[in-house]
Amino acid sequence: MEKIPVTTALFIAGFGPIVIEAQASRDLYGRAFGIPFKEENGGYLHTESLNGANSFALWPLSHASQSCFGTESWPRDVPIPQA
């Protein structure tokens, strides 16, 4: 069996949990964890000042739905993504 060499990750390019309850998520990540966010139109929150991540964002489910399906509502027959 081939041995996998030891590697070290320096950072992640980006990560964004998909959020259903925007205010509760903002409270958790912003207030409880102290993550400073910039807010864009429609409630999209992001930061480029989190150590270890080039970008971290809270992506509203309605935005993900619009991106994937062209509608504000996520289809009921499709599992809701987490990130």
PDB file of N, CA and C in Angstrom:
ATOM      1  N   MET A   1       0.833  -1.161   0.000  1.00  0.00           N
ATOM      2  CA  MET A   1       0.000   0.000   0.000  1.00  0.00           C
ATOM      3  C   MET A   1       0.892   1.243   0.000  1.00  0.00           C
ATOM      4  N   GLU A   2       0.525   2.224  -0.812  1.00  0.00           N
ATOM      5  CA  GLU A   2       1.289   3.465  -0.906  1.00  0.00           C
ATOM      6  C   GLU A   2       1.064   4.332   0.333  1.00  0.00           C
ATOM      7  N   LYS A   3       2.132   4.835   0.892  1.00  0.00           N
ATOM      8  CA  LYS A   3       2.035   5.680   2.082  1.00  0.00           C
ATOM      9  C   LYS A   3       1.762   7.124   1.661  1.00  0.00           C
ATOM     10  N   ILE A   4       0.813   7.760   2.327  1.00  0.00           N
ATOM     11  CA  ILE A   4       0.471   9.144   2.033  1.00  0.00           C
ATOM     12  C   ILE A   4       1.395  10.055   2.836  1.00  0.00           C
ATOM     13  N   PRO A   5       2.054  11.016   2.169  1.00  0.00           N
ATOM     14  CA  PRO A   5       2.973  11.891   2.896  1.00  0.00           C
ATOM     15  C   PRO A   5       2.218  12.814   3.854  1.00  0.00           C
ATOM     16  N   VAL A   6       2.882  13.202   4.922  1.00  0.00           N
ATOM     17  CA  VAL A   6       2.305  14.126   5.892  1.00  0.00           C
ATOM     18  C   VAL A   6       2.238  15.511   5.267  1.00  0.00           C
ATOM     19  N   THR A   7       1.099  16.165   5.377  1.00  0.00           N
ATOM     20  CA  THR A   7       0.929  17.512   4.835  1.00  0.00           C
ATOM     21  C   THR A   7       0.345  18.424   5.896  1.00  0.00           C
ATOM     22  N   THR A   8       0.459  19.697   5.665  1.00  0.00           N
ATOM     23  CA  THR A   8      -0.089  20.690   6.582  1.00  0.00           C
ATOM     24  C   THR A   8      -0.941  21.660   5.787  1.00  0.00           C
ATOM     25  N   ALA A   9      -2.164  21.869   6.228  1.00  0.00           N
ATOM     26  CA  ALA A   9      -3.028  22.861   5.592  1.00  0.00           C
ATOM     27  C   ALA A   9      -2.730  24.224   6.196  1.00  0.00           C
ATOM     28  N   LEU A  10      -2.477  25.207   5.352  1.00  0.00           N
ATOM     29  CA  LEU A  10      -2.177  26.548   5.828  1.00  0.00           C
ATOM     30  C   LEU A  10      -3.443  27.390   6.011  1.00  0.00           C
ATOM     31  N   PHE A  11      -4.454  27.127   5.193  1.00  0.00           N
ATOM     32  CA  PHE A  11      -5.710  27.862   5.269  1.00  0.00           C
ATOM     33  C   PHE A  11      -6.748  27.167   4.400  1.00  0.00           C
ATOM     34  N   ILE A  12      -8.010  27.554   4.590  1.00  0.00           N
ATOM     35  CA  ILE A  12      -9.057  27.130   3.660  1.00  0.00           C
ATOM     36  C   ILE A  12      -9.390  28.342   2.795  1.00  0.00           C
ATOM     37  N   ALA A  13      -9.712  28.099   1.547  1.00  0.00           N
ATOM     38  CA  ALA A  13     -10.035  29.210   0.648  1.00  0.00           C
ATOM     39  C   ALA A  13     -11.300  29.915   1.118  1.00  0.00           C
ATOM     40  N   GLY A  14     -12.310  29.146   1.491  1.00  0.00           N
ATOM     41  CA  GLY A  14     -13.538  29.754   1.963  1.00  0.00           C
ATOM     42  C   GLY A  14     -14.514  28.712   2.453  1.00  0.00           C
ATOM     43  N   PHE A  15     -15.410  29.158   3.313  1.00  0.00           N
ATOM     44  CA  PHE A  15     -16.448  28.274   3.837  1.00  0.00           C
ATOM     45  C   PHE A  15     -17.660  29.124   4.165  1.00  0.00           C
ATOM     46  N   GLY A  16     -18.839  28.581   3.928  1.00  0.00           N
ATOM     47  CA  GLY A  16     -20.052  29.315   4.235  1.00  0.00           C
ATOM     48  C   GLY A  16     -21.195  28.411   4.635  1.00  0.00           C
ATOM     49  N   PRO A  17     -21.510  28.360   5.933  1.00  0.00           N
ATOM     50  CA  PRO A  17     -22.710  27.638   6.338  1.00  0.00           C
ATOM     51  C   PRO A  17     -23.946  28.271   5.687  1.00  0.00           C
ATOM     52  N   ILE A  18     -24.874  27.436   5.264  1.00  0.00           N
ATOM     53  CA  ILE A  18     -26.147  27.938   4.741  1.00  0.00           C
ATOM     54  C   ILE A  18     -27.084  28.068   5.932  1.00  0.00           C
ATOM     55  N   VAL A  19     -27.670  29.254   6.092  1.00  0.00           N
ATOM     56  CA  VAL A  19     -28.465  29.536   7.279  1.00  0.00           C
ATOM     57  C   VAL A  19     -29.930  29.730   6.933  1.00  0.00           C
ATOM     58  N   ILE A  20     -30.779  29.189   7.786  1.00  0.00           N
ATOM     59  CA  ILE A  20     -32.224  29.334   7.621  1.00  0.00           C
ATOM     60  C   ILE A  20     -32.727  30.477   8.485  1.00  0.00           C
ATOM     61  N   GLU A  21     -32.249  30.553   9.717  1.00  0.00           N
ATOM     62  CA  GLU A  21     -32.638  31.624  10.629  1.00  0.00           C
ATOM     63  C   GLU A  21     -31.488  32.629  10.709  1.00  0.00           C
ATOM     64  N   ALA A  22     -31.577  33.669   9.890  1.00  0.00           N
ATOM     65  CA  ALA A  22     -30.477  34.611   9.733  1.00  0.00           C
ATOM     66  C   ALA A  22     -30.079  35.291  11.037  1.00  0.00           C
ATOM     67  N   GLN A  23     -31.033  35.791  11.799  1.00  0.00           N
ATOM     68  CA  GLN A  23     -30.694  36.520  13.019  1.00  0.00           C
ATOM     69  C   GLN A  23     -30.066  35.606  14.064  1.00  0.00           C
ATOM     70  N   ALA A  24     -30.603  34.413  14.232  1.00  0.00           N
ATOM     71  CA  ALA A  24     -30.032  33.465  15.191  1.00  0.00           C
ATOM     72  C   ALA A  24     -28.607  33.094  14.787  1.00  0.00           C
ATOM     73  N   SER A  25     -28.366  32.918  13.498  1.00  0.00           N
ATOM     74  CA  SER A  25     -27.028  32.580  13.008  1.00  0.00           C
ATOM     75  C   SER A  25     -26.070  33.749  13.202  1.00  0.00           C
ATOM     76  N   ARG A  26     -26.561  34.952  12.922  1.00  0.00           N
ATOM     77  CA  ARG A  26     -25.735  36.146  13.133  1.00  0.00           C
ATOM     78  C   ARG A  26     -25.350  36.272  14.609  1.00  0.00           C
ATOM     79  N   ASP A  27     -26.309  36.035  15.499  1.00  0.00           N
ATOM     80  CA  ASP A  27     -26.037  36.091  16.938  1.00  0.00           C
ATOM     81  C   ASP A  27     -24.986  35.058  17.332  1.00  0.00           C
ATOM     82  N   LEU A  28     -25.137  33.840  16.846  1.00  0.00           N
ATOM     83  CA  LEU A  28     -24.201  32.775  17.200  1.00  0.00           C
ATOM     84  C   LEU A  28     -22.785  33.095  16.719  1.00  0.00           C
ATOM     85  N   TYR A  29     -22.640  33.313  15.429  1.00  0.00           N
ATOM     86  CA  TYR A  29     -21.305  33.503  14.870  1.00  0.00           C
ATOM     87  C   TYR A  29     -20.718  34.872  15.209  1.00  0.00           C
ATOM     88  N   GLY A  30     -21.550  35.903  15.191  1.00  0.00           N
ATOM     89  CA  GLY A  30     -21.065  37.252  15.436  1.00  0.00           C
ATOM     90  C   GLY A  30     -20.870  37.580  16.892  1.00  0.00           C
ATOM     91  N   ARG A  31     -21.911  37.374  17.669  1.00  0.00           N
ATOM     92  CA  ARG A  31     -21.833  37.750  19.082  1.00  0.00           C
ATOM     93  C   ARG A  31     -21.160  36.679  19.940  1.00  0.00           C
ATOM     94  N   ALA A  32     -21.585  35.448  19.807  1.00  0.00           N
ATOM     95  CA  ALA A  32     -21.046  34.388  20.665  1.00  0.00           C
ATOM     96  C   ALA A  32     -19.595  34.042  20.306  1.00  0.00           C
ATOM     97  N   PHE A  33     -19.284  33.967  19.003  1.00  0.00           N
ATOM     98  CA  PHE A  33     -17.938  33.601  18.571  1.00  0.00           C
ATOM     99  C   PHE A  33     -17.063  34.811  18.262  1.00  0.00           C
ATOM    100  N   GLY A  34     -17.661  36.001  18.225  1.00  0.00           N
ATOM    101  CA  GLY A  34     -16.898  37.222  17.999  1.00  0.00           C
ATOM    102  C   GLY A  34     -16.377  37.409  16.587  1.00  0.00           C
ATOM    103  N   ILE A  35     -17.046  36.836  15.601  1.00  0.00           N
ATOM    104  CA  ILE A  35     -16.609  36.975  14.211  1.00  0.00           C
ATOM    105  C   ILE A  35     -17.160  38.287  13.647  1.00  0.00           C
ATOM    106  N   PRO A  36     -16.276  39.169  13.153  1.00  0.00           N
ATOM    107  CA  PRO A  36     -16.726  40.441  12.585  1.00  0.00           C
ATOM    108  C   PRO A  36     -17.200  40.254  11.138  1.00  0.00           C
ATOM    109  N   PHE A  37     -18.433  40.603  10.860  1.00  0.00           N
ATOM    110  CA  PHE A  37     -18.980  40.442   9.511  1.00  0.00           C
ATOM    111  C   PHE A  37     -19.211  41.778   8.825  1.00  0.00           C
ATOM    112  N   LYS A  38     -19.119  41.748   7.501  1.00  0.00           N
ATOM    113  CA  LYS A  38     -19.603  42.832   6.650  1.00  0.00           C
ATOM    114  C   LYS A  38     -20.928  42.327   6.095  1.00  0.00           C
ATOM    115  N   GLU A  39     -21.904  43.210   5.961  1.00  0.00           N
ATOM    116  CA  GLU A  39     -23.214  42.788   5.448  1.00  0.00           C
ATOM    117  C   GLU A  39     -23.440  43.345   4.054  1.00  0.00           C
ATOM    118  N   GLU A  40     -23.836  42.466   3.146  1.00  0.00           N
ATOM    119  CA  GLU A  40     -24.193  42.852   1.782  1.00  0.00           C
ATOM    120  C   GLU A  40     -25.711  42.884   1.666  1.00  0.00           C
ATOM    121  N   ASN A  41     -26.203  43.309   0.529  1.00  0.00           N
ATOM    122  CA  ASN A  41     -27.649  43.344   0.286  1.00  0.00           C
ATOM    123  C   ASN A  41     -28.274  41.974   0.498  1.00  0.00           C
ATOM    124  N   GLY A  42     -29.425  41.944   1.107  1.00  0.00           N
ATOM    125  CA  GLY A  42     -30.150  40.699   1.290  1.00  0.00           C
ATOM    126  C   GLY A  42     -29.716  39.876   2.484  1.00  0.00           C
ATOM    127  N   GLY A  43     -28.850  40.422   3.340  1.00  0.00           N
ATOM    128  CA  GLY A  43     -28.473  39.705   4.543  1.00  0.00           C
ATOM    129  C   GLY A  43     -27.296  38.763   4.416  1.00  0.00           C
ATOM    130  N   TYR A  44     -26.573  38.831   3.308  1.00  0.00           N
ATOM    131  CA  TYR A  44     -25.375  37.987   3.139  1.00  0.00           C
ATOM    132  C   TYR A  44     -24.267  38.568   4.003  1.00  0.00           C
ATOM    133  N   LEU A  45     -23.774  37.797   4.957  1.00  0.00           N
ATOM    134  CA  LEU A  45     -22.717  38.233   5.864  1.00  0.00           C
ATOM    135  C   LEU A  45     -21.422  37.524   5.509  1.00  0.00           C
ATOM    136  N   HIS A  46     -20.323  38.283   5.481  1.00  0.00           N
ATOM    137  CA  HIS A  46     -19.035  37.661   5.163  1.00  0.00           C
ATOM    138  C   HIS A  46     -17.911  38.394   5.872  1.00  0.00           C
ATOM    139  N   THR A  47     -16.768  37.709   5.973  1.00  0.00           N
ATOM    140  CA  THR A  47     -15.567  38.309   6.535  1.00  0.00           C
ATOM    141  C   THR A  47     -14.347  37.700   5.863  1.00  0.00           C
ATOM    142  N   GLU A  48     -13.342  38.517   5.731  1.00  0.00           N
ATOM    143  CA  GLU A  48     -12.058  38.057   5.234  1.00  0.00           C
ATOM    144  C   GLU A  48     -11.008  38.192   6.339  1.00  0.00           C
ATOM    145  N   SER A  49     -11.456  38.389   7.577  1.00  0.00           N
ATOM    146  CA  SER A  49     -10.515  38.607   8.683  1.00  0.00           C
ATOM    147  C   SER A  49     -10.513  37.471   9.704  1.00  0.00           C
ATOM    148  N   LEU A  50     -10.984  36.305   9.307  1.00  0.00           N
ATOM    149  CA  LEU A  50     -10.986  35.148  10.196  1.00  0.00           C
ATOM    150  C   LEU A  50      -9.716  34.341   9.953  1.00  0.00           C
ATOM    151  N   ASN A  51      -8.911  34.175  10.982  1.00  0.00           N
ATOM    152  CA  ASN A  51      -7.657  33.440  10.834  1.00  0.00           C
ATOM    153  C   ASN A  51      -7.907  32.028  10.314  1.00  0.00           C
ATOM    154  N   GLY A  52      -7.166  31.645   9.285  1.00  0.00           N
ATOM    155  CA  GLY A  52      -7.251  30.300   8.739  1.00  0.00           C
ATOM    156  C   GLY A  52      -8.197  30.154   7.564  1.00  0.00           C
ATOM    157  N   ALA A  53      -8.960  31.217   7.254  1.00  0.00           N
ATOM    158  CA  ALA A  53      -9.891  31.164   6.119  1.00  0.00           C
ATOM    159  C   ALA A  53      -9.766  32.453   5.314  1.00  0.00           C
ATOM    160  N   ASN A  54      -9.599  32.314   4.010  1.00  0.00           N
ATOM    161  CA  ASN A  54      -9.574  33.515   3.181  1.00  0.00           C
ATOM    162  C   ASN A  54     -10.919  34.217   3.198  1.00  0.00           C
ATOM    163  N   SER A  55     -11.991  33.444   3.291  1.00  0.00           N
ATOM    164  CA  SER A  55     -13.334  34.017   3.357  1.00  0.00           C
ATOM    165  C   SER A  55     -14.239  33.089   4.163  1.00  0.00           C
ATOM    166  N   PHE A  56     -15.084  33.686   4.980  1.00  0.00           N
ATOM    167  CA  PHE A  56     -16.086  32.948   5.746  1.00  0.00           C
ATOM    168  C   PHE A  56     -17.378  33.733   5.619  1.00  0.00           C
ATOM    169  N   ALA A  57     -18.466  33.046   5.319  1.00  0.00           N
ATOM    170  CA  ALA A  57     -19.733  33.740   5.074  1.00  0.00           C
ATOM    171  C   ALA A  57     -20.908  32.953   5.634  1.00  0.00           C
ATOM    172  N   LEU A  58     -21.964  33.676   5.946  1.00  0.00           N
ATOM    173  CA  LEU A  58     -23.247  33.058   6.277  1.00  0.00           C
ATOM    174  C   LEU A  58     -24.139  33.285   5.065  1.00  0.00           C
ATOM    175  N   TRP A  59     -24.513  32.200   4.420  1.00  0.00           N
ATOM    176  CA  TRP A  59     -25.258  32.277   3.165  1.00  0.00           C
ATOM    177  C   TRP A  59     -26.712  31.935   3.432  1.00  0.00           C
ATOM    178  N   PRO A  60     -27.640  32.901   3.296  1.00  0.00           N
ATOM    179  CA  PRO A  60     -29.058  32.606   3.508  1.00  0.00           C
ATOM    180  C   PRO A  60     -29.553  31.522   2.537  1.00  0.00           C
ATOM    181  N   LEU A  61     -30.400  30.653   3.032  1.00  0.00           N
ATOM    182  CA  LEU A  61     -30.947  29.573   2.206  1.00  0.00           C
ATOM    183  C   LEU A  61     -31.629  30.123   0.960  1.00  0.00           C
ATOM    184  N   SER A  62     -32.294  31.264   1.082  1.00  0.00           N
ATOM    185  CA  SER A  62     -32.967  31.848  -0.088  1.00  0.00           C
ATOM    186  C   SER A  62     -31.959  32.218  -1.177  1.00  0.00           C
ATOM    187  N   HIS A  63     -30.757  32.652  -0.799  1.00  0.00           N
ATOM    188  CA  HIS A  63     -29.718  32.958  -1.786  1.00  0.00           C
ATOM    189  C   HIS A  63     -29.214  31.679  -2.446  1.00  0.00           C
ATOM    190  N   ALA A  64     -29.018  30.630  -1.653  1.00  0.00           N
ATOM    191  CA  ALA A  64     -28.582  29.350  -2.214  1.00  0.00           C
ATOM    192  C   ALA A  64     -29.635  28.802  -3.170  1.00  0.00           C
ATOM    193  N   SER A  65     -30.886  28.945  -2.776  1.00  0.00           N
ATOM    194  CA  SER A  65     -31.976  28.480  -3.625  1.00  0.00           C
ATOM    195  C   SER A  65     -32.019  29.244  -4.948  1.00  0.00           C
ATOM    196  N   GLN A  66     -31.846  30.554  -4.861  1.00  0.00           N
ATOM    197  CA  GLN A  66     -31.832  31.379  -6.072  1.00  0.00           C
ATOM    198  C   GLN A  66     -30.679  30.975  -6.984  1.00  0.00           C
ATOM    199  N   SER A  67     -29.518  30.717  -6.388  1.00  0.00           N
ATOM    200  CA  SER A  67     -28.344  30.324  -7.163  1.00  0.00           C
ATOM    201  C   SER A  67     -28.537  28.964  -7.834  1.00  0.00           C
ATOM    202  N   CYS A  68     -29.131  28.022  -7.105  1.00  0.00           N
ATOM    203  CA  CYS A  68     -29.270  26.654  -7.617  1.00  0.00           C
ATOM    204  C   CYS A  68     -30.502  26.442  -8.494  1.00  0.00           C
ATOM    205  N   PHE A  69     -31.631  27.059  -8.107  1.00  0.00           N
ATOM    206  CA  PHE A  69     -32.906  26.742  -8.761  1.00  0.00           C
ATOM    207  C   PHE A  69     -33.614  27.939  -9.381  1.00  0.00           C
ATOM    208  N   GLY A  70     -33.075  29.155  -9.177  1.00  0.00           N
ATOM    209  CA  GLY A  70     -33.712  30.341  -9.750  1.00  0.00           C
ATOM    210  C   GLY A  70     -34.982  30.745  -9.040  1.00  0.00           C
ATOM    211  N   THR A  71     -35.161  30.326  -7.792  1.00  0.00           N
ATOM    212  CA  THR A  71     -36.347  30.658  -7.016  1.00  0.00           C
ATOM    213  C   THR A  71     -35.931  30.933  -5.575  1.00  0.00           C
ATOM    214  N   GLU A  72     -36.722  31.707  -4.847  1.00  0.00           N
ATOM    215  CA  GLU A  72     -36.399  32.056  -3.464  1.00  0.00           C
ATOM    216  C   GLU A  72     -36.619  30.892  -2.488  1.00  0.00           C
ATOM    217  N   SER A  73     -37.428  29.914  -2.871  1.00  0.00           N
ATOM    218  CA  SER A  73     -37.767  28.803  -1.974  1.00  0.00           C
ATOM    219  C   SER A  73     -37.021  27.532  -2.365  1.00  0.00           C
ATOM    220  N   TRP A  74     -36.473  26.868  -1.362  1.00  0.00           N
ATOM    221  CA  TRP A  74     -35.791  25.598  -1.599  1.00  0.00           C
ATOM    222  C   TRP A  74     -36.832  24.527  -1.873  1.00  0.00           C
ATOM    223  N   PRO A  75     -36.658  23.683  -2.900  1.00  0.00           N
ATOM    224  CA  PRO A  75     -37.636  22.635  -3.199  1.00  0.00           C
ATOM    225  C   PRO A  75     -37.804  21.662  -2.023  1.00  0.00           C
ATOM    226  N   ARG A  76     -39.029  21.314  -1.723  1.00  0.00           N
ATOM    227  CA  ARG A  76     -39.309  20.433  -0.581  1.00  0.00           C
ATOM    228  C   ARG A  76     -38.789  19.023  -0.766  1.00  0.00           C
ATOM    229  N   ASP A  77     -38.631  18.607  -2.021  1.00  0.00           N
ATOM    230  CA  ASP A  77     -38.175  17.233  -2.281  1.00  0.00           C
ATOM    231  C   ASP A  77     -36.657  17.120  -2.382  1.00  0.00           C
ATOM    232  N   VAL A  78     -35.940  18.202  -2.106  1.00  0.00           N
ATOM    233  CA  VAL A  78     -34.475  18.208  -2.161  1.00  0.00           C
ATOM    234  C   VAL A  78     -33.950  18.511  -0.755  1.00  0.00           C
ATOM    235  N   PRO A  79     -33.056  17.677  -0.228  1.00  0.00           N
ATOM    236  CA  PRO A  79     -32.512  17.940   1.118  1.00  0.00           C
ATOM    237  C   PRO A  79     -31.841  19.319   1.175  1.00  0.00           C
ATOM    238  N   ILE A  80     -32.042  20.008   2.288  1.00  0.00           N
ATOM    239  CA  ILE A  80     -31.459  21.332   2.468  1.00  0.00           C
ATOM    240  C   ILE A  80     -29.968  21.168   2.761  1.00  0.00           C
ATOM    241  N   PRO A  81     -29.114  21.878   2.007  1.00  0.00           N
ATOM    242  CA  PRO A  81     -27.679  21.765   2.240  1.00  0.00           C
ATOM    243  C   PRO A  81     -27.266  22.449   3.537  1.00  0.00           C
ATOM    244  N   GLN A  82     -26.138  22.056   4.062  1.00  0.00           N
ATOM    245  CA  GLN A  82     -25.634  22.643   5.313  1.00  0.00           C
ATOM    246  C   GLN A  82     -24.582  23.715   5.061  1.00  0.00           C
ATOM    247  N   ALA A  83     -23.845  23.626   3.976  1.00  0.00           N
ATOM    248  CA  ALA A  83     -22.782  24.593   3.696  1.00  0.00           C
ATOM    249  C   ALA A  83     -22.492  24.636   2.208  1.00  0.00           C
TER     250      ALA A  83
END
